[in-house]
Amino acid sequence: MDAKELKLRKKALGLTTAQVALMCELPVGTVSKIFTGETKNPSYLTIEKIDRVLAHEEMLARVRAYVDAILAYIKEHPDENVDQIQFEKKYRSEHGLDNAPLPYASSKSQQWDDKEKFDGNLALSHMGKVTVQMLDEIGEDRRIELIDGHLIINEYPNMRHQMLVQNLGRKIDDFICDNNGKCRMFSVGVNVFIDEDDYTLVGPDIVVLCDDSRMNEMGIVGPPDWVIEVTSPSTRGRDYGKKMHKYMDGGVREYWIIDLEKEKVTTYIEGEPMMAYVYNFEDEIPVYIYGGELKITVKEVDG
């Protein structure tokens, strides 16, 4: 690592010397002398600090590039059910990336030169995962979720999906209010940190939480009591797979999957062994966390 390489990386990112100095919490003069070569033998600690800051910015640029690419593809192919695994494989191939997690993936033919263009694929020397902080810095909305540090890009739900969520949420909220219940219902994409870490962040369609101590300004930390996901073509696999295991292994007491295409509702109940039931939209479905006192017929709130 030398000053010339640091300067090229700064230039590729479009950062000024002053911006780098601010992020490094170093004097502008000190950083400037390193980039210009005036300081012939800068300290290792100073070089390492600049390297870490540039590495973080390169990582963010890589994530932005991937997010922009997949969102652009979804927008251009609104009727296509995008297989994100296949999309990522194609993206890696087109950009010549190795198999490291995308934020840290290196171009197999990466070489430093004076090219002005930066494609978001600069090499890093370490491995890692996407974190909640990275999403905050990117500034994206709830279309993006994280599961074990891997980006999940969700399409906006269609009108039927949104109306069902609104109607069902209202019915649940009315039941809670009518019975002076202590639980809270959320149907606006509340953040759920199900693993209580920075690597998994999900936004279920409907959440019921009965313990306010699990709630802070960022969202819900730990398992809610009841989670409902309404499937769409792009989320069905995760709703039945990774999310189901995340929710139930994480301590969610009750999890519903409302499948609009099949017009079926699968409910998973806590316990050993974990219990699951399948209902039609016309069935009267008892809510486990309320001991069956609340029963829901999905057909009545669908539309």
Foldseek 3Di string as FASTA:
>chain_A
DALQQLLLLCLQLVHDLVVLCVQLVHDSVVSVCRNVCVPVDDDPVSVVSSLVVSLVSLLLLQVLLVVVVVVVVCVVCVPDQDDVVVVVVVVCVVQQWDDAARSATARPPDDGDNDNHHNSHHHDDDGDAAFQVSCVVNPDDQLWWFDQRHTHGHDDDDPLQLQLLVLVQVLVVVVCVVVVHQKDKDQPQFWEQAVQGGGGTHGARMFIANDCVQADPRGGYHAGQEGEHEDDSNCVVCLVPVVVCSRQVRPHQKYWYQYPVVQKIWMWGHDVVIDIDIDHLQDFAADVVVPRPHTDRSVVRRD
